Amino acid sequence: MTREELIEIAEQVYGKCDWHGDALNHLEQLAKLVVEKEREAVANWSMHKGFATGHGDTIVDMLDELEWQVAEREREACAKACEEVIFKVKPTYCVVAENCVKVIRARGQE
């Protein structure tokens, strides 16, 4: 959060003021603590659900990493569903299912 954004939020809450010196420093410290607490909450949720938090320094970084991991899990689940079909159908249909598995997994490499 930029200093200007912080002042804008403070003015929405407290009205127009001359935000400078100690008052602005205190607001910045408060904002940093709030952001860190929110980041920690996202990290804890991600880890509790079995996702890695990556090296995200911000919540946005962590959400980007989470989005990638969710998509990867979905692709793998689809590929496994196709593999199950391979084992249940006649050999002539296996080529189609095998190609589906390859195409689904290849999407994660893009």
C-alpha atoms as a PDB file:
ATOM      1  CA  MET A   1       0.000   0.000   0.000  1.00  0.00           C
ATOM      2  CA  THR A   2       1.408   3.349  -0.955  1.00  0.00           C
ATOM      3  CA  ARG A   3       1.581   6.318   1.378  1.00  0.00           C
ATOM      4  CA  GLU A   4      -1.022   8.105  -0.739  1.00  0.00           C
ATOM      5  CA  GLU A   5      -3.413   5.141  -0.491  1.00  0.00           C
ATOM      6  CA  LEU A   6      -2.945   5.037   3.261  1.00  0.00           C
ATOM      7  CA  ILE A   7      -3.709   8.754   3.577  1.00  0.00           C
ATOM      8  CA  GLU A   8      -6.780   8.334   1.359  1.00  0.00           C
ATOM      9  CA  ILE A   9      -8.106   5.536   3.590  1.00  0.00           C
ATOM     10  CA  ALA A  10      -7.349   7.508   6.764  1.00  0.00           C
ATOM     11  CA  GLU A  11      -9.199  10.518   5.352  1.00  0.00           C
ATOM     12  CA  GLN A  12     -12.209   8.310   4.592  1.00  0.00           C
ATOM     13  CA  VAL A  13     -12.267   7.231   8.230  1.00  0.00           C
ATOM     14  CA  TYR A  14     -11.170  10.399  10.029  1.00  0.00           C
ATOM     15  CA  GLY A  15     -11.868  13.136   7.515  1.00  0.00           C
ATOM     16  CA  LYS A  16      -9.429  15.560   5.958  1.00  0.00           C
ATOM     17  CA  CYS A  17      -6.356  16.069   8.097  1.00  0.00           C
ATOM     18  CA  ASP A  18      -2.783  17.097   7.656  1.00  0.00           C
ATOM     19  CA  TRP A  19      -1.239  13.645   7.840  1.00  0.00           C
ATOM     20  CA  HIS A  20       2.436  14.101   8.587  1.00  0.00           C
ATOM     21  CA  GLY A  21       5.161  13.218  11.054  1.00  0.00           C
ATOM     22  CA  ASP A  22       4.354  10.797  13.833  1.00  0.00           C
ATOM     23  CA  ALA A  23       0.690  10.462  12.871  1.00  0.00           C
ATOM     24  CA  LEU A  24       1.590   9.235   9.400  1.00  0.00           C
ATOM     25  CA  ASN A  25       4.328   6.964  10.762  1.00  0.00           C
ATOM     26  CA  HIS A  26       1.839   5.391  13.176  1.00  0.00           C
ATOM     27  CA  LEU A  27      -0.652   4.868  10.360  1.00  0.00           C
ATOM     28  CA  GLU A  28       2.032   3.211   8.232  1.00  0.00           C
ATOM     29  CA  GLN A  29       3.031   0.896  11.083  1.00  0.00           C
ATOM     30  CA  LEU A  30      -0.609  -0.021  11.660  1.00  0.00           C
ATOM     31  CA  ALA A  31      -1.130  -0.726   7.961  1.00  0.00           C
ATOM     32  CA  LYS A  32       1.954  -2.963   7.858  1.00  0.00           C
ATOM     33  CA  LEU A  33       0.713  -4.958  10.858  1.00  0.00           C
ATOM     34  CA  VAL A  34      -2.739  -5.397   9.309  1.00  0.00           C
ATOM     35  CA  VAL A  35      -1.280  -6.514   5.983  1.00  0.00           C
ATOM     36  CA  GLU A  36       1.038  -8.985   7.725  1.00  0.00           C
ATOM     37  CA  LYS A  37      -1.848 -10.418   9.744  1.00  0.00           C
ATOM     38  CA  GLU A  38      -3.920 -10.871   6.586  1.00  0.00           C
ATOM     39  CA  ARG A  39      -0.978 -12.477   4.776  1.00  0.00           C
ATOM     40  CA  GLU A  40      -0.526 -14.853   7.699  1.00  0.00           C
ATOM     41  CA  ALA A  41      -4.230 -15.787   7.558  1.00  0.00           C
ATOM     42  CA  VAL A  42      -3.969 -16.587   3.830  1.00  0.00           C
ATOM     43  CA  ALA A  43      -0.791 -18.611   4.404  1.00  0.00           C
ATOM     44  CA  ASN A  44      -2.374 -20.600   7.228  1.00  0.00           C
ATOM     45  CA  TRP A  45      -5.482 -21.320   5.152  1.00  0.00           C
ATOM     46  CA  SER A  46      -3.361 -22.429   2.185  1.00  0.00           C
ATOM     47  CA  MET A  47      -1.217 -24.747   4.293  1.00  0.00           C
ATOM     48  CA  HIS A  48      -4.271 -26.161   6.099  1.00  0.00           C
ATOM     49  CA  LYS A  49      -5.772 -27.045   2.690  1.00  0.00           C
ATOM     50  CA  GLY A  50      -2.523 -28.707   1.592  1.00  0.00           C
ATOM     51  CA  PHE A  51      -1.204 -25.969  -0.677  1.00  0.00           C
ATOM     52  CA  ALA A  52       2.301 -24.559  -0.587  1.00  0.00           C
ATOM     53  CA  THR A  53       2.578 -20.839   0.054  1.00  0.00           C
ATOM     54  CA  GLY A  54       5.509 -20.415  -2.320  1.00  0.00           C
ATOM     55  CA  HIS A  55       7.780 -17.470  -1.813  1.00  0.00           C
ATOM     56  CA  GLY A  56       4.957 -14.952  -1.913  1.00  0.00           C
ATOM     57  CA  ASP A  57       5.845 -11.784  -0.098  1.00  0.00           C
ATOM     58  CA  THR A  58       2.371 -10.365  -0.645  1.00  0.00           C
ATOM     59  CA  ILE A  59      -1.140 -11.745  -0.522  1.00  0.00           C
ATOM     60  CA  VAL A  60      -1.391 -11.258  -4.290  1.00  0.00           C
ATOM     61  CA  ASP A  61       1.776 -13.336  -4.805  1.00  0.00           C
ATOM     62  CA  MET A  62       0.348 -16.069  -2.600  1.00  0.00           C
ATOM     63  CA  LEU A  63      -2.996 -16.030  -4.435  1.00  0.00           C
ATOM     64  CA  ASP A  64      -1.202 -16.288  -7.792  1.00  0.00           C
ATOM     65  CA  GLU A  65       0.684 -19.327  -6.486  1.00  0.00           C
ATOM     66  CA  LEU A  66      -2.551 -20.814  -5.121  1.00  0.00           C
ATOM     67  CA  GLU A  67      -4.324 -20.292  -8.457  1.00  0.00           C
ATOM     68  CA  TRP A  68      -1.535 -22.172 -10.246  1.00  0.00           C
ATOM     69  CA  GLN A  69      -1.641 -25.051  -7.746  1.00  0.00           C
ATOM     70  CA  VAL A  70      -5.428 -25.383  -7.969  1.00  0.00           C
ATOM     71  CA  ALA A  71      -5.264 -25.532 -11.771  1.00  0.00           C
ATOM     72  CA  GLU A  72      -2.486 -28.133 -11.558  1.00  0.00           C
ATOM     73  CA  ARG A  73      -4.559 -30.310  -9.216  1.00  0.00           C
ATOM     74  CA  GLU A  74      -7.591 -30.023 -11.496  1.00  0.00           C
ATOM     75  CA  ARG A  75      -5.550 -31.045 -14.539  1.00  0.00           C
ATOM     76  CA  GLU A  76      -4.103 -34.020 -12.687  1.00  0.00           C
ATOM     77  CA  ALA A  77      -7.575 -35.103 -11.519  1.00  0.00           C
ATOM     78  CA  CYS A  78      -8.832 -34.985 -15.114  1.00  0.00           C
ATOM     79  CA  ALA A  79      -5.819 -36.940 -16.349  1.00  0.00           C
ATOM     80  CA  LYS A  80      -6.367 -39.601 -13.681  1.00  0.00           C
ATOM     81  CA  ALA A  81     -10.040 -39.879 -14.642  1.00  0.00           C
ATOM     82  CA  CYS A  82      -8.958 -40.542 -18.231  1.00  0.00           C
ATOM     83  CA  GLU A  83      -6.452 -43.139 -17.044  1.00  0.00           C
ATOM     84  CA  GLU A  84      -9.237 -44.935 -15.195  1.00  0.00           C
ATOM     85  CA  VAL A  85     -11.169 -45.087 -18.458  1.00  0.00           C
ATOM     86  CA  ILE A  86      -8.154 -46.635 -20.174  1.00  0.00           C
ATOM     87  CA  PHE A  87      -8.247 -49.585 -17.798  1.00  0.00           C
ATOM     88  CA  LYS A  88     -11.999 -50.097 -18.162  1.00  0.00           C
ATOM     89  CA  VAL A  89     -12.550 -49.933 -21.937  1.00  0.00           C
ATOM     90  CA  LYS A  90     -11.511 -52.086 -24.841  1.00  0.00           C
ATOM     91  CA  PRO A  91      -7.965 -51.650 -26.174  1.00  0.00           C
ATOM     92  CA  THR A  92      -9.183 -49.903 -29.337  1.00  0.00           C
ATOM     93  CA  TYR A  93     -10.463 -46.992 -27.292  1.00  0.00           C
ATOM     94  CA  CYS A  94      -7.360 -46.733 -25.114  1.00  0.00           C
ATOM     95  CA  VAL A  95      -5.481 -44.615 -27.666  1.00  0.00           C
ATOM     96  CA  VAL A  96      -8.090 -41.858 -27.404  1.00  0.00           C
ATOM     97  CA  ALA A  97      -8.001 -41.830 -23.612  1.00  0.00           C
ATOM     98  CA  GLU A  98      -4.188 -41.929 -23.586  1.00  0.00           C
ATOM     99  CA  ASN A  99      -4.114 -38.921 -25.894  1.00  0.00           C
ATOM    100  CA  CYS A 100      -6.511 -37.102 -23.570  1.00  0.00           C
ATOM    101  CA  VAL A 101      -4.172 -37.769 -20.639  1.00  0.00           C
ATOM    102  CA  LYS A 102      -1.198 -36.395 -22.592  1.00  0.00           C
ATOM    103  CA  VAL A 103      -3.079 -33.287 -23.718  1.00  0.00           C
ATOM    104  CA  ILE A 104      -4.392 -32.538 -20.214  1.00  0.00           C
ATOM    105  CA  ARG A 105      -0.991 -32.895 -18.571  1.00  0.00           C
ATOM    106  CA  ALA A 106       0.698 -30.886 -21.329  1.00  0.00           C
ATOM    107  CA  ARG A 107      -1.539 -27.909 -20.505  1.00  0.00           C
ATOM    108  CA  GLY A 108       0.346 -27.540 -17.248  1.00  0.00           C
ATOM    109  CA  GLN A 109       3.587 -27.066 -19.170  1.00  0.00           C
ATOM    110  CA  GLU A 110       2.330 -24.006 -21.071  1.00  0.00           C
END
